[in-house]
Amino acid sequence: MSGSSFGKLFRITTWGESHGAGIGVVIDGCPAGLSLTPDMIQIFLDRRRPGQSKYTTKRNETDTAEILSGVFEGKTTGTPISVLVRNQDQRSRDYGDIAHTFRPGHADFGFFEKYGFRDYRGGGRSSGRETIGRTAAGAVASALLKEAGITVRAYAKSIGPYTVAEEDYKFSEIFENSFYMPNNAAAEQAAGYVSGLMENCDSCGGIIECTASGLPAGLGEPVFEKLDALLAQAVMSVGAVKGVEIGDGFRVSSSVGSSNNDPFYMDGGCIRKKTNHAGGCLGGLSDGSALILRAAVKPTPSVARPQHTVNEAGEDAEIVVKGRHDPLIVPRAVVVIESMTAITLADLLLQNMCSKIEHVRKIYTEG
């Protein structure tokens, strides 16, 4: 299987399966001298850890990060950083009934058609547990971006039909509710909605918004590797994501050029924009304003109610998915979207160091 790596200079490779011995990531290209401890990674992993509330799976995992290489005395060495998280609470017996039956909404059918074989215990590599490696790498990328004054932040903008309007954002409340919504009142409404779905053995989705501040202008490449294109690839590679938009996104289709354009103006010696419909990206390059992206997350496909399907023998069947599953993926996916954004930006930041001869001179002649 190819396709488990992402990035050029700051490059990550995730490995492991949901019900294997462990899961993790190898991070290559991180500069030496960056402060990094297991606790810094653990903060990120704890945000996606199962069992945080009644709205997440009850799988009992501590998701404790072990740094196996690439760090010495609290600093990165410039060599590959390997992070391991051991699986502790696999219950593979919960998946015996689907060993030869395809779960609706999952990767089972496509995986079987491609490889003629699949790890049915939680989906193997297709499991959401694969995102542990991405999240650990996101912690490292965020630490790298912080050195350049760049901050990435994600939160749940909506849960099902309950959306927080921008004027009602209270960022201090993101970590005060179970859904990572920037408004506790909206989170309370969402809680009632999700509780009702749980009673009916159903699930829901939502929208995750992610912003990055402090970005310099010029990150990205103007043709195939545009900033927004790479971000879309990074975020769409998260299994539950079905749509990505930058800035005004799909709303631009009903706008007009005179109002959709973001006028420039001078602020002292700096070029600014009066609005940010573009979401911080023009022509595939960052424009120096805040980056804004949103990811549409689908409802959890594993629902404990009868569903029509087929089996590997090509026979019609009915299935009830057992096991421990999130009634919604959004809260635990917030940090995953934040991580994939940070990984993409860290890679482009390093690439941008060689975009102009002035940068080369600064490194090799002005030091």
Protein backbone atom coordinates (compact mmCIF):
# COMPACT_ATOMS: atom_id res chain seq x y z
CA MET A 1 0.00 0.00 0.00
CA SER A 2 1.38 3.37 -1.03
CA GLY A 3 0.05 6.77 -0.04
CA SER A 4 0.78 6.78 3.70
CA SER A 5 3.14 9.77 3.44
CA PHE A 6 2.42 13.48 3.07
CA GLY A 7 4.64 16.52 2.58
CA LYS A 8 7.95 17.32 0.89
CA LEU A 9 10.44 18.84 3.33
CA PHE A 10 8.37 18.39 6.47
CA ARG A 11 7.21 14.87 5.59
CA ILE A 12 5.12 12.52 7.68
CA THR A 13 4.44 8.80 7.29
CA THR A 14 1.72 7.24 9.46
CA TRP A 15 1.61 3.52 10.21
CA GLY A 16 -0.38 0.93 12.16
CA GLU A 17 -3.91 -0.42 12.37
CA SER A 18 -6.84 0.14 14.68
CA HIS A 19 -6.54 -3.27 16.33
CA GLY A 20 -2.83 -3.87 15.90
CA ALA A 21 -0.22 -3.59 18.62
CA GLY A 22 0.21 0.13 18.12
CA ILE A 23 -0.04 3.08 15.80
CA GLY A 24 2.19 6.03 15.09
CA VAL A 25 4.10 8.33 12.78
CA VAL A 26 7.57 9.06 11.46
CA ILE A 27 8.26 12.78 10.94
CA ASP A 28 11.16 13.59 8.64
CA GLY A 29 12.57 17.03 7.91
CA CYS A 30 11.93 18.75 11.20
CA PRO A 31 14.80 21.20 11.84
CA ALA A 32 17.19 20.48 14.69
CA GLY A 33 16.97 22.49 17.89
CA LEU A 34 13.18 22.68 18.20
CA SER A 35 11.97 22.18 21.79
CA LEU A 36 9.87 19.00 21.90
CA THR A 37 8.70 16.80 24.76
CA PRO A 38 6.18 13.95 25.03
CA ASP A 39 3.91 16.28 27.00
CA MET A 40 3.70 18.69 24.04
CA ILE A 41 2.47 15.85 21.85
CA GLN A 42 0.20 14.50 24.58
CA ILE A 43 -1.77 17.74 24.74
CA PHE A 44 -2.80 17.19 21.13
CA LEU A 45 -3.48 13.47 21.53
CA ASP A 46 -5.67 14.07 24.57
CA ARG A 47 -7.94 16.27 22.45
CA ARG A 48 -8.73 13.35 20.10
CA ARG A 49 -8.61 10.61 22.74
CA PRO A 50 -11.73 8.42 23.05
CA GLY A 51 -13.90 8.41 26.15
CA GLN A 52 -13.76 12.15 26.85
CA SER A 53 -17.54 12.48 27.19
CA LYS A 54 -20.74 10.54 26.66
CA TYR A 55 -20.69 11.76 23.06
CA THR A 56 -17.56 9.79 22.14
CA THR A 57 -16.70 6.11 21.86
CA LYS A 58 -16.13 4.30 25.16
CA ARG A 59 -13.00 2.59 23.89
CA ASN A 60 -10.64 2.94 26.85
CA GLU A 61 -7.33 4.18 25.49
CA THR A 62 -4.83 6.48 27.20
CA ASP A 63 -3.18 7.21 23.84
CA THR A 64 0.14 7.82 25.58
CA ALA A 65 2.83 9.16 23.27
CA GLU A 66 6.29 7.59 23.24
CA ILE A 67 9.04 9.41 21.34
CA LEU A 68 11.36 6.69 20.03
CA SER A 69 13.83 8.80 18.05
CA GLY A 70 14.78 12.23 16.83
CA VAL A 71 14.77 14.01 20.21
CA PHE A 72 17.64 14.38 22.67
CA GLU A 73 17.52 16.35 25.91
CA GLY A 74 14.25 17.97 24.92
CA LYS A 75 15.42 19.18 21.50
CA THR A 76 14.92 17.76 18.02
CA THR A 77 18.13 16.43 16.48
CA GLY A 78 17.21 16.91 12.82
CA THR A 79 16.86 13.15 12.31
CA PRO A 80 13.51 11.36 11.81
CA ILE A 81 11.18 11.66 14.79
CA SER A 82 9.28 8.46 15.49
CA VAL A 83 6.24 8.54 17.78
CA LEU A 84 4.47 5.39 19.02
CA VAL A 85 1.08 5.03 20.68
CA ARG A 86 0.30 1.51 21.88
CA ASN A 87 -3.23 0.11 21.48
CA GLN A 88 -4.54 -1.17 24.81
CA ASP A 89 -8.29 -1.78 24.54
CA GLN A 90 -8.94 -3.64 21.30
CA ARG A 91 -12.15 -5.67 21.28
CA SER A 92 -11.87 -7.42 17.94
CA ARG A 93 -14.73 -9.77 18.84
CA ASP A 94 -17.13 -6.87 18.27
CA TYR A 95 -16.35 -7.10 14.56
CA GLY A 96 -16.84 -10.84 13.98
CA ASP A 97 -20.27 -10.36 12.41
CA ILE A 98 -18.87 -8.08 9.68
CA ALA A 99 -15.88 -10.22 8.70
CA HIS A 100 -17.53 -10.98 5.36
CA THR A 101 -20.16 -8.23 5.19
CA PHE A 102 -19.65 -4.67 3.94
CA ARG A 103 -20.67 -1.89 6.32
CA PRO A 104 -22.61 0.91 4.59
CA GLY A 105 -20.74 4.22 4.64
CA HIS A 106 -17.36 2.58 5.31
CA ALA A 107 -14.31 1.75 3.20
CA ASP A 108 -14.95 -2.01 3.46
CA PHE A 109 -16.18 -2.58 -0.08
CA GLY A 110 -13.58 -0.43 -1.85
CA PHE A 111 -10.76 -1.88 0.26
CA PHE A 112 -11.83 -5.44 -0.53
CA GLU A 113 -12.16 -4.73 -4.25
CA LYS A 114 -8.71 -3.13 -4.38
CA TYR A 115 -6.75 -5.65 -2.33
CA GLY A 116 -8.94 -8.79 -2.25
CA PHE A 117 -8.45 -8.75 1.51
CA ARG A 118 -9.30 -6.44 4.40
CA ASP A 119 -8.71 -6.08 8.12
CA TYR A 120 -12.30 -6.01 9.34
CA ARG A 121 -11.32 -5.26 12.95
CA GLY A 122 -12.29 -1.62 13.11
CA GLY A 123 -11.29 -0.99 9.52
CA GLY A 124 -7.53 -1.45 9.87
CA ARG A 125 -5.77 1.41 8.10
CA SER A 126 -9.16 2.92 7.19
CA SER A 127 -10.02 3.43 10.85
CA GLY A 128 -10.22 6.87 12.35
CA ARG A 129 -7.59 5.65 14.79
CA GLU A 130 -5.02 6.18 12.02
CA THR A 131 -5.34 9.91 12.74
CA ILE A 132 -3.31 9.45 15.94
CA GLY A 133 -0.16 9.68 13.83
CA ARG A 134 -1.39 12.82 12.08
CA THR A 135 -2.25 14.41 15.42
CA ALA A 136 1.17 13.68 16.91
CA ALA A 137 2.80 15.17 13.81
CA GLY A 138 0.47 18.16 14.10
CA ALA A 139 1.84 18.87 17.56
CA VAL A 140 5.37 18.99 16.15
CA ALA A 141 4.31 21.12 13.18
CA SER A 142 2.49 23.55 15.48
CA ALA A 143 5.60 23.92 17.62
CA LEU A 144 7.61 24.68 14.48
CA LEU A 145 5.06 27.24 13.27
CA LYS A 146 5.03 28.90 16.67
CA GLU A 147 8.73 29.68 16.21
CA ALA A 148 7.71 31.75 13.17
CA GLY A 149 4.85 33.47 15.00
CA ILE A 150 2.14 31.41 13.29
CA THR A 151 -0.84 30.08 15.26
CA VAL A 152 -3.34 27.49 14.03
CA ARG A 153 -6.70 27.05 15.77
CA ALA A 154 -9.67 24.80 14.97
CA TYR A 155 -13.13 24.41 16.50
CA ALA A 156 -16.56 23.02 15.69
CA LYS A 157 -18.55 25.70 13.89
CA SER A 158 -21.63 23.49 13.68
CA ILE A 159 -22.99 20.23 15.07
CA GLY A 160 -25.87 18.96 12.96
CA PRO A 161 -28.24 21.94 12.43
CA TYR A 162 -26.73 24.04 15.26
CA THR A 163 -24.27 26.63 13.94
CA VAL A 164 -22.33 29.34 15.73
CA ALA A 165 -22.45 32.64 13.83
CA GLU A 166 -19.14 34.47 13.57
CA GLU A 167 -20.43 37.39 15.64
CA ASP A 168 -21.21 34.94 18.46
CA TYR A 169 -17.75 33.37 18.64
CA LYS A 170 -16.33 33.15 22.15
CA PHE A 171 -12.97 31.49 21.67
CA SER A 172 -12.39 31.22 25.41
CA GLU A 173 -15.28 28.73 25.55
CA ILE A 174 -13.91 26.24 22.98
CA PHE A 175 -12.44 24.00 25.67
CA GLU A 176 -15.36 24.46 28.08
CA ASN A 177 -17.79 22.13 26.29
CA SER A 178 -17.75 18.59 24.93
CA PHE A 179 -17.99 19.65 21.28
CA TYR A 180 -15.18 22.23 21.08
CA MET A 181 -17.69 24.84 19.93
CA PRO A 182 -16.80 28.53 20.40
CA ASN A 183 -20.07 29.15 22.23
CA ASN A 184 -21.32 27.21 25.26
CA ALA A 185 -24.99 28.05 24.63
CA ALA A 186 -24.82 26.56 21.14
CA ALA A 187 -23.04 23.54 22.58
CA GLU A 188 -25.90 22.98 25.01
CA GLN A 189 -28.38 22.97 22.13
CA ALA A 190 -26.17 20.57 20.21
CA ALA A 191 -25.96 18.30 23.25
CA GLY A 192 -29.73 17.89 23.35
CA TYR A 193 -29.82 17.15 19.64
CA VAL A 194 -27.06 14.54 19.81
CA SER A 195 -28.58 12.89 22.88
CA GLY A 196 -31.81 12.39 20.97
CA LEU A 197 -29.93 10.81 18.08
CA MET A 198 -28.13 8.46 20.45
CA GLU A 199 -31.46 7.26 21.87
CA ASN A 200 -32.53 6.43 18.32
CA CYS A 201 -29.23 4.70 17.47
CA ASP A 202 -28.35 7.39 14.95
CA SER A 203 -25.54 9.87 14.33
CA CYS A 204 -24.79 13.31 12.88
CA GLY A 205 -22.05 15.36 11.29
CA GLY A 206 -20.96 18.98 11.39
CA ILE A 207 -18.51 21.61 10.20
CA ILE A 208 -15.03 22.23 11.57
CA GLU A 209 -13.50 25.66 10.99
CA CYS A 210 -9.75 26.18 11.15
CA THR A 211 -7.84 29.46 11.08
CA ALA A 212 -4.16 30.33 10.87
CA SER A 213 -2.85 33.73 11.89
CA GLY A 214 0.61 35.22 11.44
CA LEU A 215 1.19 33.71 7.99
CA PRO A 216 3.59 35.58 5.73
CA ALA A 217 2.47 36.34 2.19
CA GLY A 218 3.67 33.96 -0.50
CA LEU A 219 3.30 30.46 0.97
CA GLY A 220 2.34 27.92 -1.68
CA GLU A 221 3.09 27.48 -5.37
CA PRO A 222 1.07 29.15 -8.14
CA VAL A 223 0.25 26.09 -10.29
CA PHE A 224 -0.36 22.52 -9.12
CA GLU A 225 0.77 22.95 -5.51
CA LYS A 226 -1.34 25.92 -4.55
CA LEU A 227 -1.78 26.59 -0.85
CA ASP A 228 -5.52 25.98 -1.02
CA ALA A 229 -5.07 22.87 -3.19
CA LEU A 230 -2.63 21.30 -0.74
CA LEU A 231 -4.84 22.20 2.21
CA ALA A 232 -7.80 20.61 0.45
CA GLN A 233 -5.79 17.44 -0.14
CA ALA A 234 -4.57 17.38 3.45
CA VAL A 235 -8.00 17.92 4.98
CA MET A 236 -9.88 15.69 2.51
CA SER A 237 -7.46 12.88 3.36
CA VAL A 238 -9.16 12.68 6.77
CA GLY A 239 -11.62 9.82 6.35
CA ALA A 240 -14.84 11.49 7.53
CA VAL A 241 -14.39 14.75 5.58
CA LYS A 242 -16.60 15.13 2.49
CA GLY A 243 -16.04 18.78 1.61
CA VAL A 244 -13.55 21.62 2.11
CA GLU A 245 -13.92 25.34 1.47
CA ILE A 246 -11.54 28.28 1.79
CA GLY A 247 -12.82 31.72 2.80
CA ASP A 248 -16.33 32.29 1.50
CA GLY A 249 -16.16 28.94 -0.27
CA PHE A 250 -19.35 27.97 -2.08
CA ARG A 251 -20.92 31.34 -1.30
CA VAL A 252 -18.74 32.96 -3.97
CA SER A 253 -20.90 31.30 -6.62
CA SER A 254 -23.75 33.69 -5.78
CA SER A 255 -21.54 36.75 -5.29
CA VAL A 256 -20.36 39.38 -7.80
CA GLY A 257 -16.81 40.45 -8.51
CA SER A 258 -17.14 43.95 -7.13
CA SER A 259 -18.13 42.64 -3.70
CA ASN A 260 -16.17 39.37 -3.69
CA ASN A 261 -12.82 41.10 -4.27
CA ASP A 262 -10.88 42.10 -1.16
CA PRO A 263 -9.64 45.72 -1.53
CA PHE A 264 -6.02 46.39 -0.53
CA TYR A 265 -4.88 49.37 1.51
CA MET A 266 -1.71 50.58 3.16
CA ASP A 267 -1.38 50.31 6.93
CA GLY A 268 1.81 52.14 7.73
CA GLY A 269 4.35 50.27 5.65
CA CYS A 270 2.28 47.10 5.35
CA ILE A 271 -0.22 46.02 2.70
CA ARG A 272 -3.54 44.90 4.22
CA LYS A 273 -6.97 43.81 2.99
CA LYS A 274 -10.20 45.48 4.06
CA THR A 275 -12.11 42.18 3.82
CA ASN A 276 -11.14 38.52 3.62
CA HIS A 277 -13.57 36.76 1.30
CA ALA A 278 -10.59 34.89 -0.17
CA GLY A 279 -9.81 33.32 3.20
CA GLY A 280 -6.16 34.33 3.15
CA CYS A 281 -5.31 32.75 -0.19
CA LEU A 282 -5.03 34.45 -3.59
CA GLY A 283 -3.75 32.69 -6.71
CA GLY A 284 -2.71 29.72 -4.65
CA LEU A 285 -0.48 31.83 -2.38
CA SER A 286 -1.05 33.12 1.13
CA ASP A 287 -1.81 36.84 1.10
CA GLY A 288 -0.75 37.70 4.65
CA SER A 289 -4.26 37.81 6.10
CA ALA A 290 -5.86 35.13 8.24
CA LEU A 291 -6.24 31.74 6.60
CA ILE A 292 -9.79 30.40 6.99
CA LEU A 293 -10.89 26.90 5.96
CA ARG A 294 -13.87 24.72 6.78
CA ALA A 295 -14.31 20.97 6.60
CA ALA A 296 -17.67 19.23 6.28
CA VAL A 297 -17.68 16.06 8.37
CA LYS A 298 -20.19 13.33 7.60
CA PRO A 299 -22.32 11.51 10.20
CA THR A 300 -20.69 8.49 11.81
CA PRO A 301 -21.54 5.54 9.52
CA SER A 302 -21.48 2.97 12.34
CA VAL A 303 -25.04 3.09 13.70
CA ALA A 304 -26.61 0.35 15.80
CA ARG A 305 -29.74 -0.08 13.70
CA PRO A 306 -30.50 -2.52 10.86
CA GLN A 307 -29.06 -1.49 7.49
CA HIS A 308 -29.25 -3.14 4.07
CA THR A 309 -25.96 -4.31 2.58
CA VAL A 310 -24.28 -7.19 0.73
CA ASN A 311 -21.59 -9.69 1.67
CA GLU A 312 -18.41 -10.86 -0.05
CA ALA A 313 -20.36 -13.65 -1.76
CA GLY A 314 -22.53 -11.07 -3.51
CA GLU A 315 -25.64 -11.84 -1.45
CA ASP A 316 -28.07 -9.28 -0.05
CA ALA A 317 -27.81 -9.01 3.71
CA GLU A 318 -28.81 -6.98 6.72
CA ILE A 319 -26.34 -5.68 9.27
CA VAL A 320 -26.38 -4.10 12.71
CA VAL A 321 -22.97 -2.61 13.50
CA LYS A 322 -21.86 -3.51 17.01
CA GLY A 323 -18.99 -2.15 19.06
CA ARG A 324 -18.09 1.21 20.55
CA HIS A 325 -18.55 4.10 18.15
CA ASP A 326 -18.82 7.89 18.33
CA PRO A 327 -22.34 9.25 17.73
CA LEU A 328 -20.53 12.07 15.95
CA ILE A 329 -16.92 12.38 14.83
CA VAL A 330 -16.66 16.17 14.86
CA PRO A 331 -15.34 16.84 18.40
CA ARG A 332 -12.42 14.42 18.12
CA ALA A 333 -11.74 15.45 14.52
CA VAL A 334 -11.23 19.12 15.44
CA VAL A 335 -7.60 18.56 16.46
CA VAL A 336 -7.03 16.33 13.42
CA ILE A 337 -8.07 19.12 11.04
CA GLU A 338 -5.92 21.55 13.00
CA SER A 339 -3.01 19.12 12.74
CA MET A 340 -3.30 18.55 8.99
CA THR A 341 -3.46 22.31 8.46
CA ALA A 342 -0.35 22.82 10.60
CA ILE A 343 1.53 20.05 8.81
CA THR A 344 0.75 21.58 5.41
CA LEU A 345 1.78 25.06 6.52
CA ALA A 346 5.00 23.84 8.17
CA ASP A 347 6.02 22.07 4.97
CA LEU A 348 5.29 25.13 2.83
CA LEU A 349 7.07 27.41 5.29
CA LEU A 350 10.25 25.38 4.92
CA GLN A 351 9.88 25.25 1.14
CA ASN A 352 9.46 29.02 1.02
CA MET A 353 12.91 29.53 2.52
CA CYS A 354 14.46 28.88 -0.90
CA SER A 355 12.02 30.92 -2.98
CA LYS A 356 14.27 34.01 -3.23
CA ILE A 357 18.04 34.52 -3.39
CA GLU A 358 17.70 37.02 -0.53
CA HIS A 359 16.67 34.17 1.73
CA VAL A 360 19.74 32.17 0.77
CA ARG A 361 22.01 35.15 1.43
CA LYS A 362 20.46 35.66 4.86
CA ILE A 363 21.20 32.08 5.85
CA TYR A 364 24.69 31.75 4.44
CA THR A 365 26.20 35.23 4.41
CA GLU A 366 24.41 37.30 7.02
CA GLY A 367 24.56 34.82 9.88
